[in-house]
Amino acid sequence: MDERVRRVMKEVVRGVEGDWDGPERDPARIDAILSKLLEIWMLDPDMRFGQLVYNLYWQMPETRKMGMTGIDMFHVEDDAFDLRLDEVIHEGWR
């Protein structure tokens, strides 16, 4: 990740962390998830961002709903998506 972008993101997270009093989502998760996305995306940098995200979500059981032909990623929690990223990093695409 571009160092300038990383620095700005850390400043934003640091600013938000000072206001965070739980139980909302921890802003520190953002950098971890973006770093993992970058690692996976660099395995196939020709992939468009939308393709990357869709491909990561479509195999998650949390995105399937009865009678739907597509996926519903709106209600997937970040910790579940983070686990999916770990799976892909350690086991590759399935």
C-alpha atoms as a PDB file:
ATOM      1  CA  MET A   1       0.000   0.000   0.000  1.00  0.00           C
ATOM      2  CA  ASP A   2       1.231   3.482  -0.787  1.00  0.00           C
ATOM      3  CA  GLU A   3       2.918   4.853   2.337  1.00  0.00           C
ATOM      4  CA  ARG A   4       1.021   8.137   2.083  1.00  0.00           C
ATOM      5  CA  VAL A   5      -2.327   6.304   2.001  1.00  0.00           C
ATOM      6  CA  ARG A   6      -1.290   4.106   4.925  1.00  0.00           C
ATOM      7  CA  ARG A   7      -0.275   7.181   6.945  1.00  0.00           C
ATOM      8  CA  VAL A   8      -3.587   8.934   6.278  1.00  0.00           C
ATOM      9  CA  MET A   9      -5.544   5.781   7.142  1.00  0.00           C
ATOM     10  CA  LYS A  10      -3.640   5.432  10.424  1.00  0.00           C
ATOM     11  CA  GLU A  11      -4.358   9.066  11.282  1.00  0.00           C
ATOM     12  CA  VAL A  12      -8.060   8.539  10.615  1.00  0.00           C
ATOM     13  CA  VAL A  13      -8.146   5.351  12.683  1.00  0.00           C
ATOM     14  CA  ARG A  14      -6.188   7.020  15.496  1.00  0.00           C
ATOM     15  CA  GLY A  15      -8.644   9.924  15.499  1.00  0.00           C
ATOM     16  CA  VAL A  16     -11.633   7.592  15.613  1.00  0.00           C
ATOM     17  CA  GLU A  17     -10.128   5.309  18.272  1.00  0.00           C
ATOM     18  CA  GLY A  18      -9.994   8.209  20.707  1.00  0.00           C
ATOM     19  CA  ASP A  19     -13.771   8.587  20.416  1.00  0.00           C
ATOM     20  CA  TRP A  20     -14.544   4.871  20.483  1.00  0.00           C
ATOM     21  CA  ASP A  21     -16.227   3.687  23.660  1.00  0.00           C
ATOM     22  CA  GLY A  22     -17.578   0.313  22.391  1.00  0.00           C
ATOM     23  CA  PRO A  23     -19.447  -1.831  21.652  1.00  0.00           C
ATOM     24  CA  GLU A  24     -19.305  -0.517  18.086  1.00  0.00           C
ATOM     25  CA  ARG A  25     -16.934  -2.105  15.632  1.00  0.00           C
ATOM     26  CA  ASP A  26     -13.264  -1.508  16.361  1.00  0.00           C
ATOM     27  CA  PRO A  27     -11.818   0.885  13.754  1.00  0.00           C
ATOM     28  CA  ALA A  28      -8.471  -0.941  13.961  1.00  0.00           C
ATOM     29  CA  ARG A  29     -10.026  -3.771  11.912  1.00  0.00           C
ATOM     30  CA  ILE A  30      -9.946  -1.580   8.815  1.00  0.00           C
ATOM     31  CA  ASP A  31      -6.173  -1.600   8.321  1.00  0.00           C
ATOM     32  CA  ALA A  32      -5.982  -5.357   8.972  1.00  0.00           C
ATOM     33  CA  ILE A  33      -8.692  -6.127   6.412  1.00  0.00           C
ATOM     34  CA  LEU A  34      -7.243  -3.757   3.801  1.00  0.00           C
ATOM     35  CA  SER A  35      -3.766  -5.270   4.242  1.00  0.00           C
ATOM     36  CA  LYS A  36      -5.165  -8.764   3.691  1.00  0.00           C
ATOM     37  CA  LEU A  37      -7.136  -7.592   0.653  1.00  0.00           C
ATOM     38  CA  LEU A  38      -3.943  -6.116  -0.772  1.00  0.00           C
ATOM     39  CA  GLU A  39      -2.053  -9.368  -0.196  1.00  0.00           C
ATOM     40  CA  ILE A  40      -4.743 -11.394  -1.976  1.00  0.00           C
ATOM     41  CA  TRP A  41      -5.197  -8.880  -4.794  1.00  0.00           C
ATOM     42  CA  MET A  42      -1.466  -8.912  -5.536  1.00  0.00           C
ATOM     43  CA  LEU A  43      -1.763 -12.648  -6.280  1.00  0.00           C
ATOM     44  CA  ASP A  44      -3.845 -11.638  -9.305  1.00  0.00           C
ATOM     45  CA  PRO A  45      -3.404  -7.888  -9.884  1.00  0.00           C
ATOM     46  CA  ASP A  46      -5.216  -8.121 -13.228  1.00  0.00           C
ATOM     47  CA  MET A  47      -8.470  -8.786 -11.359  1.00  0.00           C
ATOM     48  CA  ARG A  48     -10.752  -5.782 -10.995  1.00  0.00           C
ATOM     49  CA  PHE A  49     -11.677  -4.742  -7.439  1.00  0.00           C
ATOM     50  CA  GLY A  50     -15.334  -5.684  -7.878  1.00  0.00           C
ATOM     51  CA  GLN A  51     -14.338  -9.132  -9.124  1.00  0.00           C
ATOM     52  CA  LEU A  52     -12.004  -9.582  -6.159  1.00  0.00           C
ATOM     53  CA  VAL A  53     -14.638  -8.706  -3.569  1.00  0.00           C
ATOM     54  CA  TYR A  54     -17.388 -10.704  -5.271  1.00  0.00           C
ATOM     55  CA  ASN A  55     -15.145 -13.764  -5.576  1.00  0.00           C
ATOM     56  CA  LEU A  56     -14.226 -13.520  -1.890  1.00  0.00           C
ATOM     57  CA  TYR A  57     -17.859 -13.278  -0.795  1.00  0.00           C
ATOM     58  CA  TRP A  58     -19.629 -15.707  -3.104  1.00  0.00           C
ATOM     59  CA  GLN A  59     -18.351 -18.868  -1.390  1.00  0.00           C
ATOM     60  CA  MET A  60     -19.288 -17.690   2.103  1.00  0.00           C
ATOM     61  CA  PRO A  61     -22.421 -19.424   3.458  1.00  0.00           C
ATOM     62  CA  GLU A  62     -23.384 -16.119   5.101  1.00  0.00           C
ATOM     63  CA  THR A  63     -24.046 -14.618   1.646  1.00  0.00           C
ATOM     64  CA  ARG A  64     -26.555 -17.260   0.504  1.00  0.00           C
ATOM     65  CA  LYS A  65     -30.293 -16.819   1.009  1.00  0.00           C
ATOM     66  CA  MET A  66     -33.081 -19.168   0.042  1.00  0.00           C
ATOM     67  CA  GLY A  67     -34.478 -18.401  -3.367  1.00  0.00           C
ATOM     68  CA  MET A  68     -31.789 -15.876  -4.300  1.00  0.00           C
ATOM     69  CA  THR A  69     -29.730 -16.277  -7.435  1.00  0.00           C
ATOM     70  CA  GLY A  70     -27.002 -13.832  -6.358  1.00  0.00           C
ATOM     71  CA  ILE A  71     -25.278 -13.128  -3.078  1.00  0.00           C
ATOM     72  CA  ASP A  72     -26.167 -10.862  -0.172  1.00  0.00           C
ATOM     73  CA  MET A  73     -22.996  -9.450   1.348  1.00  0.00           C
ATOM     74  CA  PHE A  74     -24.706  -6.526   3.072  1.00  0.00           C
ATOM     75  CA  HIS A  75     -25.162  -8.293   6.435  1.00  0.00           C
ATOM     76  CA  VAL A  76     -21.852 -10.196   6.604  1.00  0.00           C
ATOM     77  CA  GLU A  77     -19.897  -9.059   9.651  1.00  0.00           C
ATOM     78  CA  ASP A  78     -16.302  -7.954   9.171  1.00  0.00           C
ATOM     79  CA  ASP A  79     -14.957 -10.696  11.442  1.00  0.00           C
ATOM     80  CA  ALA A  80     -16.529 -13.351   9.176  1.00  0.00           C
ATOM     81  CA  PHE A  81     -15.057 -11.671   6.096  1.00  0.00           C
ATOM     82  CA  ASP A  82     -11.695 -11.404   7.874  1.00  0.00           C
ATOM     83  CA  LEU A  83     -11.760 -15.177   8.458  1.00  0.00           C
ATOM     84  CA  ARG A  84     -12.503 -15.686   4.762  1.00  0.00           C
ATOM     85  CA  LEU A  85      -9.475 -13.549   3.876  1.00  0.00           C
ATOM     86  CA  ASP A  86      -7.315 -15.679   6.189  1.00  0.00           C
ATOM     87  CA  GLU A  87      -8.611 -18.836   4.477  1.00  0.00           C
ATOM     88  CA  VAL A  88      -7.673 -17.535   1.044  1.00  0.00           C
ATOM     89  CA  ILE A  89      -4.243 -16.364   2.240  1.00  0.00           C
ATOM     90  CA  HIS A  90      -3.411 -19.707   3.876  1.00  0.00           C
ATOM     91  CA  GLU A  91      -5.270 -22.181   1.658  1.00  0.00           C
ATOM     92  CA  GLY A  92      -5.669 -20.350  -1.647  1.00  0.00           C
ATOM     93  CA  TRP A  93      -8.869 -19.945  -3.647  1.00  0.00           C
ATOM     94  CA  ARG A  94     -11.251 -22.887  -3.317  1.00  0.00           C
END
